[in-house]
PDB file of N, CA and C in Angstrom:
ATOM      1  N   MET A   1      10.805  21.280  -3.649  1.00  0.00           N
ATOM      2  CA  MET A   1      10.762  22.245  -4.476  1.00  0.00           C
ATOM      3  C   MET A   1       9.068  22.359  -5.095  1.00  0.00           C
ATOM      4  N   GLY A   2       8.120  21.181  -5.311  1.00  0.00           N
ATOM      5  CA  GLY A   2       7.089  20.675  -5.265  1.00  0.00           C
ATOM      6  C   GLY A   2       6.140  20.615  -6.541  1.00  0.00           C
ATOM      7  N   PRO A   3       4.909  20.135  -6.459  1.00  0.00           N
ATOM      8  CA  PRO A   3       5.040  19.290  -7.659  1.00  0.00           C
ATOM      9  C   PRO A   3       4.967  20.888  -8.997  1.00  0.00           C
ATOM     10  N   PRO A   4       4.549  21.925  -8.770  1.00  0.00           N
ATOM     11  CA  PRO A   4       4.244  22.663  -9.764  1.00  0.00           C
ATOM     12  C   PRO A   4       5.610  22.455 -10.492  1.00  0.00           C
ATOM     13  N   TYR A   5       6.911  22.388  -9.999  1.00  0.00           N
ATOM     14  CA  TYR A   5       8.434  22.059 -10.690  1.00  0.00           C
ATOM     15  C   TYR A   5       8.759  20.461 -10.936  1.00  0.00           C
ATOM     16  N   ILE A   6       7.665  19.877 -10.469  1.00  0.00           N
ATOM     17  CA  ILE A   6       7.848  18.035 -11.601  1.00  0.00           C
ATOM     18  C   ILE A   6       7.160  18.408 -12.294  1.00  0.00           C
ATOM     19  N   LYS A   7       6.104  19.013 -12.485  1.00  0.00           N
ATOM     20  CA  LYS A   7       4.985  18.885 -14.190  1.00  0.00           C
ATOM     21  C   LYS A   7       5.967  19.594 -15.235  1.00  0.00           C
ATOM     22  N   VAL A   8       6.593  20.811 -14.563  1.00  0.00           N
ATOM     23  CA  VAL A   8       7.031  21.677 -15.703  1.00  0.00           C
ATOM     24  C   VAL A   8       8.360  20.577 -16.002  1.00  0.00           C
ATOM     25  N   GLY A   9       9.366  20.007 -15.176  1.00  0.00           N
ATOM     26  CA  GLY A   9      10.264  18.981 -15.906  1.00  0.00           C
ATOM     27  C   GLY A   9       9.273  18.262 -16.140  1.00  0.00           C
ATOM     28  N   GLN A  10       8.655  17.540 -16.287  1.00  0.00           N
ATOM     29  CA  GLN A  10       7.892  16.394 -16.838  1.00  0.00           C
ATOM     30  C   GLN A  10       7.440  17.398 -18.503  1.00  0.00           C
ATOM     31  N   ILE A  11       7.580  18.338 -18.333  1.00  0.00           N
ATOM     32  CA  ILE A  11       6.937  18.916 -19.479  1.00  0.00           C
ATOM     33  C   ILE A  11       7.840  19.301 -20.200  1.00  0.00           C
ATOM     34  N   LEU A  12       9.038  19.622 -20.100  1.00  0.00           N
ATOM     35  CA  LEU A  12      10.523  20.084 -19.948  1.00  0.00           C
ATOM     36  C   LEU A  12      11.255  18.713 -21.028  1.00  0.00           C
ATOM     37  N   ALA A  13      10.962  18.174 -20.233  1.00  0.00           N
ATOM     38  CA  ALA A  13      11.477  16.561 -20.900  1.00  0.00           C
ATOM     39  C   ALA A  13      10.774  16.053 -22.510  1.00  0.00           C
ATOM     40  N   THR A  14       9.971  16.426 -22.755  1.00  0.00           N
ATOM     41  CA  THR A  14       9.580  16.364 -24.189  1.00  0.00           C
ATOM     42  C   THR A  14       9.765  16.915 -25.211  1.00  0.00           C
ATOM     43  N   ARG A  15      10.612  18.583 -24.997  1.00  0.00           N
ATOM     44  CA  ARG A  15      10.882  19.106 -25.255  1.00  0.00           C
ATOM     45  C   ARG A  15      12.331  19.516 -25.844  1.00  0.00           C
ATOM     46  N   PRO A  16      12.749  18.807 -27.033  1.00  0.00           N
ATOM     47  CA  PRO A  16      13.719  18.634 -27.353  1.00  0.00           C
ATOM     48  C   PRO A  16      14.697  19.879 -28.079  1.00  0.00           C
ATOM     49  N   ASP A  17      12.940  21.362 -28.350  1.00  0.00           N
ATOM     50  CA  ASP A  17      13.439  22.024 -28.665  1.00  0.00           C
ATOM     51  C   ASP A  17      14.198  23.610 -28.192  1.00  0.00           C
ATOM     52  N   LEU A  18      13.794  22.711 -26.635  1.00  0.00           N
ATOM     53  CA  LEU A  18      14.094  24.024 -25.419  1.00  0.00           C
ATOM     54  C   LEU A  18      15.609  23.103 -24.495  1.00  0.00           C
ATOM     55  N   VAL A  19      15.252  22.270 -24.697  1.00  0.00           N
ATOM     56  CA  VAL A  19      16.618  21.486 -23.443  1.00  0.00           C
ATOM     57  C   VAL A  19      17.307  19.979 -24.054  1.00  0.00           C
ATOM     58  N   SER A  20      18.327  20.611 -23.631  1.00  0.00           N
ATOM     59  CA  SER A  20      19.879  19.467 -24.148  1.00  0.00           C
ATOM     60  C   SER A  20      18.824  18.320 -23.734  1.00  0.00           C
ATOM     61  N   ASP A  21      19.421  16.688 -25.176  1.00  0.00           N
ATOM     62  CA  ASP A  21      19.456  16.150 -24.412  1.00  0.00           C
ATOM     63  C   ASP A  21      19.902  15.447 -22.955  1.00  0.00           C
ATOM     64  N   GLU A  22      21.125  15.529 -23.307  1.00  0.00           N
ATOM     65  CA  GLU A  22      21.464  14.662 -21.487  1.00  0.00           C
ATOM     66  C   GLU A  22      20.397  15.703 -20.459  1.00  0.00           C
ATOM     67  N   ALA A  23      20.012  16.978 -20.243  1.00  0.00           N
ATOM     68  CA  ALA A  23      19.310  17.134 -19.741  1.00  0.00           C
ATOM     69  C   ALA A  23      17.349  16.695 -19.827  1.00  0.00           C
ATOM     70  N   ARG A  24      16.910  16.687 -20.922  1.00  0.00           N
ATOM     71  CA  ARG A  24      15.548  15.444 -21.255  1.00  0.00           C
ATOM     72  C   ARG A  24      15.814  14.348 -20.322  1.00  0.00           C
ATOM     73  N   LYS A  25      16.826  13.563 -20.540  1.00  0.00           N
ATOM     74  CA  LYS A  25      16.855  12.192 -20.422  1.00  0.00           C
ATOM     75  C   LYS A  25      16.910  11.975 -18.832  1.00  0.00           C
ATOM     76  N   GLU A  26      17.415  13.221 -18.066  1.00  0.00           N
ATOM     77  CA  GLU A  26      17.868  13.011 -16.420  1.00  0.00           C
ATOM     78  C   GLU A  26      15.868  13.638 -16.166  1.00  0.00           C
ATOM     79  N   LEU A  27      15.653  14.292 -17.213  1.00  0.00           N
ATOM     80  CA  LEU A  27      14.051  14.846 -16.852  1.00  0.00           C
ATOM     81  C   LEU A  27      13.041  14.250 -16.506  1.00  0.00           C
ATOM     82  N   SER A  28      13.390  12.841 -17.888  1.00  0.00           N
ATOM     83  CA  SER A  28      12.164  12.067 -17.717  1.00  0.00           C
ATOM     84  C   SER A  28      12.210  10.878 -16.829  1.00  0.00           C
ATOM     85  N   GLN A  29      13.001  11.003 -16.222  1.00  0.00           N
ATOM     86  CA  GLN A  29      13.176   9.984 -14.524  1.00  0.00           C
ATOM     87  C   GLN A  29      11.945  10.459 -13.589  1.00  0.00           C
ATOM     88  N   LEU A  30      11.095  11.464 -14.562  1.00  0.00           N
ATOM     89  CA  LEU A  30       9.991  12.191 -13.657  1.00  0.00           C
ATOM     90  C   LEU A  30       9.064  11.990 -14.024  1.00  0.00           C
ATOM     91  N   ASN A  31       9.261  11.094 -15.019  1.00  0.00           N
ATOM     92  CA  ASN A  31       8.224  10.536 -15.539  1.00  0.00           C
ATOM     93  C   ASN A  31       7.858   8.844 -15.391  1.00  0.00           C
ATOM     94  N   GLY A  32       8.282   8.634 -14.281  1.00  0.00           N
ATOM     95  CA  GLY A  32       8.581   7.250 -14.859  1.00  0.00           C
ATOM     96  C   GLY A  32       7.460   6.591 -13.515  1.00  0.00           C
ATOM     97  N   GLU A  33       7.554   4.854 -13.230  1.00  0.00           N
ATOM     98  CA  GLU A  33       6.390   4.849 -12.343  1.00  0.00           C
ATOM     99  C   GLU A  33       6.772   5.211 -11.274  1.00  0.00           C
ATOM    100  N   VAL A  34       6.666   4.815 -10.378  1.00  0.00           N
ATOM    101  CA  VAL A  34       7.202   5.216  -8.573  1.00  0.00           C
ATOM    102  C   VAL A  34       6.576   4.606  -7.755  1.00  0.00           C
ATOM    103  N   GLU A  35       7.233   4.025  -6.761  1.00  0.00           N
ATOM    104  CA  GLU A  35       6.419   2.377  -6.332  1.00  0.00           C
ATOM    105  C   GLU A  35       5.416   3.351  -5.306  1.00  0.00           C
ATOM    106  N   PRO A  36       4.934   2.263  -5.180  1.00  0.00           N
ATOM    107  CA  PRO A  36       3.081   2.777  -3.710  1.00  0.00           C
ATOM    108  C   PRO A  36       3.723   3.015  -2.630  1.00  0.00           C
ATOM    109  N   ARG A  37       3.717   3.831  -2.140  1.00  0.00           N
ATOM    110  CA  ARG A  37       3.894   4.080   0.256  1.00  0.00           C
ATOM    111  C   ARG A  37       2.776   3.345   0.934  1.00  0.00           C
ATOM    112  N   PRO A  38       2.816   3.143   1.865  1.00  0.00           N
ATOM    113  CA  PRO A  38       1.247   2.592   2.802  1.00  0.00           C
ATOM    114  C   PRO A  38       0.875   3.796   3.122  1.00  0.00           C
ATOM    115  N   PHE A  39      -0.485   3.673   2.899  1.00  0.00           N
ATOM    116  CA  PHE A  39      -1.416   5.435   3.379  1.00  0.00           C
ATOM    117  C   PHE A  39      -0.845   5.542   4.545  1.00  0.00           C
ATOM    118  N   GLU A  40      -0.512   4.627   5.414  1.00  0.00           N
ATOM    119  CA  GLU A  40      -0.075   5.528   6.740  1.00  0.00           C
ATOM    120  C   GLU A  40       1.055   6.659   6.457  1.00  0.00           C
ATOM    121  N   GLU A  41       1.803   6.998   5.689  1.00  0.00           N
ATOM    122  CA  GLU A  41       2.731   7.753   5.252  1.00  0.00           C
ATOM    123  C   GLU A  41       1.662   8.995   4.456  1.00  0.00           C
ATOM    124  N   PHE A  42       1.064   9.377   4.251  1.00  0.00           N
ATOM    125  CA  PHE A  42      -0.461   9.645   3.840  1.00  0.00           C
ATOM    126  C   PHE A  42      -0.664  10.608   3.864  1.00  0.00           C
ATOM    127  N   GLU A  43      -1.125  10.081   5.754  1.00  0.00           N
ATOM    128  CA  GLU A  43      -2.855   9.605   6.431  1.00  0.00           C
ATOM    129  C   GLU A  43      -2.706  11.432   6.744  1.00  0.00           C
ATOM    130  N   ALA A  44      -1.157  11.991   7.149  1.00  0.00           N
ATOM    131  CA  ALA A  44      -1.378  13.280   8.096  1.00  0.00           C
ATOM    132  C   ALA A  44      -1.786  13.880   7.094  1.00  0.00           C
ATOM    133  N   VAL A  45      -1.438  13.993   5.680  1.00  0.00           N
ATOM    134  CA  VAL A  45      -1.982  15.339   4.746  1.00  0.00           C
ATOM    135  C   VAL A  45      -3.810  15.446   4.423  1.00  0.00           C
ATOM    136  N   PRO A  46      -4.278  14.287   4.631  1.00  0.00           N
ATOM    137  CA  PRO A  46      -5.550  14.366   4.635  1.00  0.00           C
ATOM    138  C   PRO A  46      -6.378  14.896   5.500  1.00  0.00           C
ATOM    139  N   VAL A  47      -5.781  14.460   6.837  1.00  0.00           N
ATOM    140  CA  VAL A  47      -5.859  15.519   8.886  1.00  0.00           C
ATOM    141  C   VAL A  47      -5.568  16.568   8.634  1.00  0.00           C
ATOM    142  N   ALA A  48      -4.689  16.779   8.026  1.00  0.00           N
ATOM    143  CA  ALA A  48      -3.860  18.724   8.018  1.00  0.00           C
ATOM    144  C   ALA A  48      -5.210  19.348   7.198  1.00  0.00           C
ATOM    145  N   GLN A  49      -5.401  18.454   6.069  1.00  0.00           N
ATOM    146  CA  GLN A  49      -6.338  19.919   5.033  1.00  0.00           C
ATOM    147  C   GLN A  49      -7.774  20.098   5.878  1.00  0.00           C
ATOM    148  N   LEU A  50      -8.666  18.507   6.106  1.00  0.00           N
ATOM    149  CA  LEU A  50      -9.468  18.004   6.263  1.00  0.00           C
ATOM    150  C   LEU A  50     -10.131  17.721   7.075  1.00  0.00           C
ATOM    151  N   GLY A  51      -9.381  17.168   8.763  1.00  0.00           N
ATOM    152  CA  GLY A  51      -9.695  17.438   9.994  1.00  0.00           C
ATOM    153  C   GLY A  51      -9.287  15.913   9.927  1.00  0.00           C
ATOM    154  N   ALA A  52      -9.537  15.593  11.096  1.00  0.00           N
ATOM    155  CA  ALA A  52      -9.366  14.459  11.605  1.00  0.00           C
ATOM    156  C   ALA A  52     -10.425  13.548  11.161  1.00  0.00           C
ATOM    157  N   ASP A  53     -11.717  14.178  11.157  1.00  0.00           N
ATOM    158  CA  ASP A  53     -12.573  13.233  11.002  1.00  0.00           C
ATOM    159  C   ASP A  53     -12.873  13.426   9.498  1.00  0.00           C
ATOM    160  N   TRP A  54     -11.874  13.536   8.435  1.00  0.00           N
ATOM    161  CA  TRP A  54     -11.637  13.726   6.554  1.00  0.00           C
ATOM    162  C   TRP A  54     -12.888  12.380   6.158  1.00  0.00           C
ATOM    163  N   ARG A  55     -12.507  11.042   6.844  1.00  0.00           N
ATOM    164  CA  ARG A  55     -13.533  10.278   6.697  1.00  0.00           C
ATOM    165  C   ARG A  55     -14.686  10.335   6.712  1.00  0.00           C
ATOM    166  N   SER A  56     -15.129  10.891   7.288  1.00  0.00           N
ATOM    167  CA  SER A  56     -17.095  10.896   7.074  1.00  0.00           C
ATOM    168  C   SER A  56     -16.888  11.788   6.230  1.00  0.00           C
ATOM    169  N   ASN A  57     -16.425  12.217   5.825  1.00  0.00           N
ATOM    170  CA  ASN A  57     -16.448  12.631   3.735  1.00  0.00           C
ATOM    171  C   ASN A  57     -17.201  11.736   3.182  1.00  0.00           C
ATOM    172  N   PHE A  58     -16.607  10.484   3.363  1.00  0.00           N
ATOM    173  CA  PHE A  58     -17.095   9.329   2.349  1.00  0.00           C
ATOM    174  C   PHE A  58     -17.714   7.965   2.852  1.00  0.00           C
ATOM    175  N   PHE A  59     -18.414   7.242   2.720  1.00  0.00           N
ATOM    176  CA  PHE A  59     -19.044   6.039   2.132  1.00  0.00           C
ATOM    177  C   PHE A  59     -17.418   5.282   3.030  1.00  0.00           C
ATOM    178  N   SER A  60     -17.170   5.295   1.997  1.00  0.00           N
ATOM    179  CA  SER A  60     -15.767   4.271   2.102  1.00  0.00           C
ATOM    180  C   SER A  60     -14.808   4.572   1.690  1.00  0.00           C
ATOM    181  N   VAL A  61     -13.413   4.615   1.968  1.00  0.00           N
ATOM    182  CA  VAL A  61     -11.816   4.948   0.577  1.00  0.00           C
ATOM    183  C   VAL A  61     -11.087   3.068   1.277  1.00  0.00           C
ATOM    184  N   ASP A  62     -11.406   2.832  -0.083  1.00  0.00           N
ATOM    185  CA  ASP A  62     -10.271   2.113   0.180  1.00  0.00           C
ATOM    186  C   ASP A  62      -8.724   2.429  -0.005  1.00  0.00           C
ATOM    187  N   THR A  63      -7.947   2.080   1.459  1.00  0.00           N
ATOM    188  CA  THR A  63      -6.584   2.949   1.447  1.00  0.00           C
ATOM    189  C   THR A  63      -5.640   1.576   1.370  1.00  0.00           C
ATOM    190  N   ARG A  64      -6.039   0.313   1.141  1.00  0.00           N
ATOM    191  CA  ARG A  64      -5.565  -1.141   0.920  1.00  0.00           C
ATOM    192  C   ARG A  64      -4.136  -0.848   0.164  1.00  0.00           C
ATOM    193  N   ARG A  65      -4.220  -0.356  -1.204  1.00  0.00           N
ATOM    194  CA  ARG A  65      -3.474  -0.439  -1.793  1.00  0.00           C
ATOM    195  C   ARG A  65      -3.714   0.456  -3.447  1.00  0.00           C
ATOM    196  N   PRO A  66      -3.327   1.523  -3.143  1.00  0.00           N
ATOM    197  CA  PRO A  66      -3.491   3.056  -4.199  1.00  0.00           C
ATOM    198  C   PRO A  66      -4.525   2.166  -5.359  1.00  0.00           C
ATOM    199  N   LEU A  67      -4.814   2.761  -6.376  1.00  0.00           N
ATOM    200  CA  LEU A  67      -5.285   2.683  -7.960  1.00  0.00           C
ATOM    201  C   LEU A  67      -4.368   3.205  -8.199  1.00  0.00           C
ATOM    202  N   GLY A  68      -3.143   4.319  -8.483  1.00  0.00           N
ATOM    203  CA  GLY A  68      -2.191   4.489  -9.085  1.00  0.00           C
ATOM    204  C   GLY A  68      -1.340   5.504  -8.469  1.00  0.00           C
ATOM    205  N   THR A  69      -0.504   6.313  -8.926  1.00  0.00           N
ATOM    206  CA  THR A  69       0.866   6.508  -8.000  1.00  0.00           C
ATOM    207  C   THR A  69       1.278   7.810  -9.188  1.00  0.00           C
ATOM    208  N   ALA A  70       2.105   8.491  -8.221  1.00  0.00           N
ATOM    209  CA  ALA A  70       2.903   9.500  -9.166  1.00  0.00           C
ATOM    210  C   ALA A  70       3.707   9.505  -8.858  1.00  0.00           C
ATOM    211  N   SER A  71       4.605  11.067  -9.571  1.00  0.00           N
ATOM    212  CA  SER A  71       5.520  12.033  -8.106  1.00  0.00           C
ATOM    213  C   SER A  71       4.662  12.916  -7.248  1.00  0.00           C
ATOM    214  N   PRO A  72       4.005  12.993  -7.336  1.00  0.00           N
ATOM    215  CA  PRO A  72       3.648  14.645  -6.217  1.00  0.00           C
ATOM    216  C   PRO A  72       2.528  13.594  -5.475  1.00  0.00           C
ATOM    217  N   THR A  73       1.660  12.512  -6.342  1.00  0.00           N
ATOM    218  CA  THR A  73       0.411  11.885  -5.213  1.00  0.00           C
ATOM    219  C   THR A  73       0.022  10.577  -5.851  1.00  0.00           C
ATOM    220  N   GLN A  74      -0.089  10.539  -4.590  1.00  0.00           N
ATOM    221  CA  GLN A  74      -1.284   8.739  -4.551  1.00  0.00           C
ATOM    222  C   GLN A  74      -3.053   8.428  -4.279  1.00  0.00           C
ATOM    223  N   VAL A  75      -3.266   7.597  -5.452  1.00  0.00           N
ATOM    224  CA  VAL A  75      -4.859   8.137  -5.799  1.00  0.00           C
ATOM    225  C   VAL A  75      -5.667   6.904  -4.904  1.00  0.00           C
ATOM    226  N   TYR A  76      -6.480   6.992  -4.590  1.00  0.00           N
ATOM    227  CA  TYR A  76      -7.279   5.655  -3.787  1.00  0.00           C
ATOM    228  C   TYR A  76      -8.799   5.930  -4.135  1.00  0.00           C
ATOM    229  N   GLY A  77      -9.554   4.665  -4.370  1.00  0.00           N
ATOM    230  CA  GLY A  77     -10.975   4.858  -4.549  1.00  0.00           C
ATOM    231  C   GLY A  77     -11.447   4.750  -3.505  1.00  0.00           C
ATOM    232  N   ALA A  78     -12.579   5.681  -3.465  1.00  0.00           N
ATOM    233  CA  ALA A  78     -13.352   5.867  -2.597  1.00  0.00           C
ATOM    234  C   ALA A  78     -15.159   5.782  -3.013  1.00  0.00           C
ATOM    235  N   VAL A  79     -16.241   5.979  -2.223  1.00  0.00           N
ATOM    236  CA  VAL A  79     -17.042   6.505  -2.573  1.00  0.00           C
ATOM    237  C   VAL A  79     -17.723   7.253  -1.410  1.00  0.00           C
ATOM    238  N   PHE A  80     -18.601   8.329  -2.179  1.00  0.00           N
ATOM    239  CA  PHE A  80     -18.747   9.516  -1.238  1.00  0.00           C
ATOM    240  C   PHE A  80     -19.960   9.110  -0.687  1.00  0.00           C
ATOM    241  N   ARG A  81     -21.104   9.431   0.199  1.00  0.00           N
ATOM    242  CA  ARG A  81     -21.753   9.284   1.423  1.00  0.00           C
ATOM    243  C   ARG A  81     -23.117   9.111   0.603  1.00  0.00           C
ATOM    244  N   ASP A  82     -22.999   9.894  -0.576  1.00  0.00           N
ATOM    245  CA  ASP A  82     -24.023   9.381  -1.591  1.00  0.00           C
ATOM    246  C   ASP A  82     -24.218   8.871  -2.164  1.00  0.00           C
ATOM    247  N   GLY A  83     -23.464   7.592  -2.566  1.00  0.00           N
ATOM    248  CA  GLY A  83     -22.831   6.591  -3.158  1.00  0.00           C
ATOM    249  C   GLY A  83     -22.036   7.044  -4.720  1.00  0.00           C
ATOM    250  N   THR A  84     -21.540   7.814  -4.876  1.00  0.00           N
ATOM    251  CA  THR A  84     -20.987   8.233  -6.371  1.00  0.00           C
ATOM    252  C   THR A  84     -20.029   7.528  -5.466  1.00  0.00           C
ATOM    253  N   PRO A  85     -19.321   6.885  -6.752  1.00  0.00           N
ATOM    254  CA  PRO A  85     -17.834   6.359  -7.017  1.00  0.00           C
ATOM    255  C   PRO A  85     -16.722   7.593  -7.304  1.00  0.00           C
ATOM    256  N   CYS A  86     -15.414   8.012  -6.127  1.00  0.00           N
ATOM    257  CA  CYS A  86     -15.131   9.010  -6.863  1.00  0.00           C
ATOM    258  C   CYS A  86     -13.377   8.424  -6.628  1.00  0.00           C
ATOM    259  N   VAL A  87     -12.747   9.474  -6.309  1.00  0.00           N
ATOM    260  CA  VAL A  87     -11.017   8.957  -5.865  1.00  0.00           C
ATOM    261  C   VAL A  87     -10.319   9.617  -5.363  1.00  0.00           C
ATOM    262  N   LEU A  88      -9.712   9.559  -4.232  1.00  0.00           N
ATOM    263  CA  LEU A  88      -9.366  10.602  -3.446  1.00  0.00           C
ATOM    264  C   LEU A  88      -7.757  10.548  -3.437  1.00  0.00           C
ATOM    265  N   LYS A  89      -7.617  12.075  -4.519  1.00  0.00           N
ATOM    266  CA  LYS A  89      -6.035  12.300  -4.479  1.00  0.00           C
ATOM    267  C   LYS A  89      -5.120  12.773  -3.491  1.00  0.00           C
ATOM    268  N   VAL A  90      -3.923  12.163  -2.930  1.00  0.00           N
ATOM    269  CA  VAL A  90      -3.276  12.401  -1.804  1.00  0.00           C
ATOM    270  C   VAL A  90      -2.128  13.055  -2.146  1.00  0.00           C
ATOM    271  N   GLN A  91      -1.484  14.169  -1.909  1.00  0.00           N
ATOM    272  CA  GLN A  91      -0.426  13.948  -2.011  1.00  0.00           C
ATOM    273  C   GLN A  91       0.676  14.296  -1.371  1.00  0.00           C
ATOM    274  N   ARG A  92       2.357  13.760  -1.393  1.00  0.00           N
ATOM    275  CA  ARG A  92       2.741  12.925  -0.612  1.00  0.00           C
ATOM    276  C   ARG A  92       3.252  13.652  -0.057  1.00  0.00           C
ATOM    277  N   PRO A  93       3.628  13.543   0.861  1.00  0.00           N
ATOM    278  CA  PRO A  93       3.548  14.176   2.659  1.00  0.00           C
ATOM    279  C   PRO A  93       5.036  15.188   2.398  1.00  0.00           C
ATOM    280  N   ASP A  94       5.621  14.567   1.926  1.00  0.00           N
ATOM    281  CA  ASP A  94       7.094  14.884   1.586  1.00  0.00           C
ATOM    282  C   ASP A  94       7.159  16.597   0.505  1.00  0.00           C
ATOM    283  N   LEU A  95       6.242  16.468   0.196  1.00  0.00           N
ATOM    284  CA  LEU A  95       6.003  17.448  -0.741  1.00  0.00           C
ATOM    285  C   LEU A  95       5.552  18.753  -0.318  1.00  0.00           C
ATOM    286  N   ALA A  96       5.646  20.270  -0.818  1.00  0.00           N
ATOM    287  CA  ALA A  96       5.370  21.360  -0.844  1.00  0.00           C
ATOM    288  C   ALA A  96       3.745  21.032  -0.352  1.00  0.00           C
ATOM    289  N   LEU A  97       2.902  21.705   0.786  1.00  0.00           N
ATOM    290  CA  LEU A  97       1.254  22.134   0.800  1.00  0.00           C
ATOM    291  C   LEU A  97       1.290  22.848   0.948  1.00  0.00           C
ATOM    292  N   PHE A  98       1.768  24.266  -0.129  1.00  0.00           N
ATOM    293  CA  PHE A  98       1.061  25.509  -0.183  1.00  0.00           C
ATOM    294  C   PHE A  98       1.847  25.287  -1.256  1.00  0.00           C
ATOM    295  N   GLY A  99       0.523  26.546  -1.969  1.00  0.00           N
ATOM    296  CA  GLY A  99       1.219  27.124  -3.618  1.00  0.00           C
ATOM    297  C   GLY A  99       1.815  28.362  -3.513  1.00  0.00           C
ATOM    298  N   PRO A 100       1.853  29.092  -4.574  1.00  0.00           N
ATOM    299  CA  PRO A 100       2.846  30.478  -4.435  1.00  0.00           C
ATOM    300  C   PRO A 100       1.702  31.559  -3.333  1.00  0.00           C
ATOM    301  N   SER A 101       0.695  31.117  -3.757  1.00  0.00           N
ATOM    302  CA  SER A 101       0.105  32.665  -2.354  1.00  0.00           C
ATOM    303  C   SER A 101      -0.444  32.011  -1.189  1.00  0.00           C
ATOM    304  N   GLY A 102       0.380  30.986  -0.871  1.00  0.00           N
ATOM    305  CA  GLY A 102       0.879  30.586   0.627  1.00  0.00           C
ATOM    306  C   GLY A 102      -0.879  29.621   1.093  1.00  0.00           C
ATOM    307  N   GLU A 103      -1.709  29.490  -0.403  1.00  0.00           N
ATOM    308  CA  GLU A 103      -3.067  28.743   0.044  1.00  0.00           C
ATOM    309  C   GLU A 103      -3.050  27.710  -0.087  1.00  0.00           C
ATOM    310  N   SER A 104      -3.482  26.883   0.344  1.00  0.00           N
ATOM    311  CA  SER A 104      -3.491  25.117   0.883  1.00  0.00           C
ATOM    312  C   SER A 104      -3.693  24.290  -0.547  1.00  0.00           C
ATOM    313  N   VAL A 105      -2.540  24.632  -1.428  1.00  0.00           N
ATOM    314  CA  VAL A 105      -3.425  23.596  -2.616  1.00  0.00           C
ATOM    315  C   VAL A 105      -4.841  22.379  -2.303  1.00  0.00           C
ATOM    316  N   ILE A 106      -4.452  21.639  -1.563  1.00  0.00           N
ATOM    317  CA  ILE A 106      -5.352  20.443  -1.056  1.00  0.00           C
ATOM    318  C   ILE A 106      -6.807  21.519  -0.545  1.00  0.00           C
ATOM    319  N   GLY A 107      -6.623  22.517   0.112  1.00  0.00           N
ATOM    320  CA  GLY A 107      -7.615  23.172   0.475  1.00  0.00           C
ATOM    321  C   GLY A 107      -8.046  23.992  -0.488  1.00  0.00           C
ATOM    322  N   ARG A 108      -7.379  24.170  -1.748  1.00  0.00           N
ATOM    323  CA  ARG A 108      -8.028  25.314  -2.785  1.00  0.00           C
ATOM    324  C   ARG A 108      -8.695  23.590  -3.550  1.00  0.00           C
ATOM    325  N   HIS A 109      -8.825  22.478  -3.582  1.00  0.00           N
ATOM    326  CA  HIS A 109      -9.288  21.711  -3.906  1.00  0.00           C
ATOM    327  C   HIS A 109     -10.668  21.372  -3.303  1.00  0.00           C
ATOM    328  N   LYS A 110     -10.423  21.353  -2.085  1.00  0.00           N
ATOM    329  CA  LYS A 110     -12.019  20.486  -0.702  1.00  0.00           C
ATOM    330  C   LYS A 110     -12.881  21.906  -1.362  1.00  0.00           C
ATOM    331  N   ARG A 111     -12.652  22.808  -1.018  1.00  0.00           N
ATOM    332  CA  ARG A 111     -13.463  24.177  -1.348  1.00  0.00           C
ATOM    333  C   ARG A 111     -14.719  23.537  -2.899  1.00  0.00           C
ATOM    334  N   SER A 112     -13.305  23.194  -4.165  1.00  0.00           N
ATOM    335  CA  SER A 112     -14.002  23.080  -5.516  1.00  0.00           C
ATOM    336  C   SER A 112     -15.081  22.007  -5.251  1.00  0.00           C
ATOM    337  N   ALA A 113     -14.144  20.990  -4.557  1.00  0.00           N
ATOM    338  CA  ALA A 113     -15.646  19.443  -4.802  1.00  0.00           C
ATOM    339  C   ALA A 113     -16.497  19.660  -3.928  1.00  0.00           C
ATOM    340  N   HIS A 114     -16.738  20.508  -2.913  1.00  0.00           N
ATOM    341  CA  HIS A 114     -17.789  21.433  -2.404  1.00  0.00           C
ATOM    342  C   HIS A 114     -18.926  21.988  -3.557  1.00  0.00           C
ATOM    343  N   ASP A 115     -18.167  22.936  -4.213  1.00  0.00           N
ATOM    344  CA  ASP A 115     -18.617  23.732  -4.985  1.00  0.00           C
ATOM    345  C   ASP A 115     -19.864  22.650  -5.775  1.00  0.00           C
ATOM    346  N   HIS A 116     -19.804  21.613  -6.148  1.00  0.00           N
ATOM    347  CA  HIS A 116     -19.643  20.850  -7.312  1.00  0.00           C
ATOM    348  C   HIS A 116     -19.783  19.217  -7.019  1.00  0.00           C
ATOM    349  N   PRO A 117     -20.979  18.911  -5.986  1.00  0.00           N
ATOM    350  CA  PRO A 117     -20.765  17.646  -5.232  1.00  0.00           C
ATOM    351  C   PRO A 117     -21.046  16.840  -6.339  1.00  0.00           C
ATOM    352  N   ARG A 118     -21.268  16.465  -7.342  1.00  0.00           N
ATOM    353  CA  ARG A 118     -21.138  15.465  -7.944  1.00  0.00           C
ATOM    354  C   ARG A 118     -20.088  15.169  -8.942  1.00  0.00           C
ATOM    355  N   ARG A 119     -18.942  16.186  -9.104  1.00  0.00           N
ATOM    356  CA  ARG A 119     -17.558  15.946  -8.938  1.00  0.00           C
ATOM    357  C   ARG A 119     -17.093  14.273  -8.660  1.00  0.00           C
ATOM    358  N   ARG A 120     -16.341  12.882  -9.860  1.00  0.00           N
ATOM    359  CA  ARG A 120     -16.072  11.973 -10.243  1.00  0.00           C
ATOM    360  C   ARG A 120     -14.501  11.899  -9.270  1.00  0.00           C
ATOM    361  N   LEU A 121     -13.820  13.321  -9.331  1.00  0.00           N
ATOM    362  CA  LEU A 121     -12.544  13.588  -8.821  1.00  0.00           C
ATOM    363  C   LEU A 121     -12.918  14.556  -7.384  1.00  0.00           C
ATOM    364  N   CYS A 122     -12.186  13.785  -6.671  1.00  0.00           N
ATOM    365  CA  CYS A 122     -11.866  14.622  -4.451  1.00  0.00           C
ATOM    366  C   CYS A 122     -10.393  14.792  -4.818  1.00  0.00           C
ATOM    367  N   GLN A 123      -9.851  15.817  -4.742  1.00  0.00           N
ATOM    368  CA  GLN A 123      -8.980  16.272  -4.528  1.00  0.00           C
ATOM    369  C   GLN A 123      -8.839  16.245  -2.518  1.00  0.00           C
TER     370      GLN A 123
END
């Protein structure tokens, strides 16, 4: 279903006024820790969205172990070519890469990062 549905489920898990206790218990599992997976399983996402030379946008990207994991993404420490520290947030490859409009979610954020080169978060 994709990241928007995961986020809605996470929100609903906190709303006893809208969702039964049984449903909230199930939905609360979306907020749990997610085991990190090897970057090799994720690399196809930046390649597809940013091109085969995606690493050339950075001075360095540490893909040995993610800084954080979540149901839709893994986050890696990185440094832009100008030396500015940032994080690279990569969507899990088994989730939909396209939003409701058909526009690439990652591509939308890529443009935003280009528009704001000092952003600390590069998605």
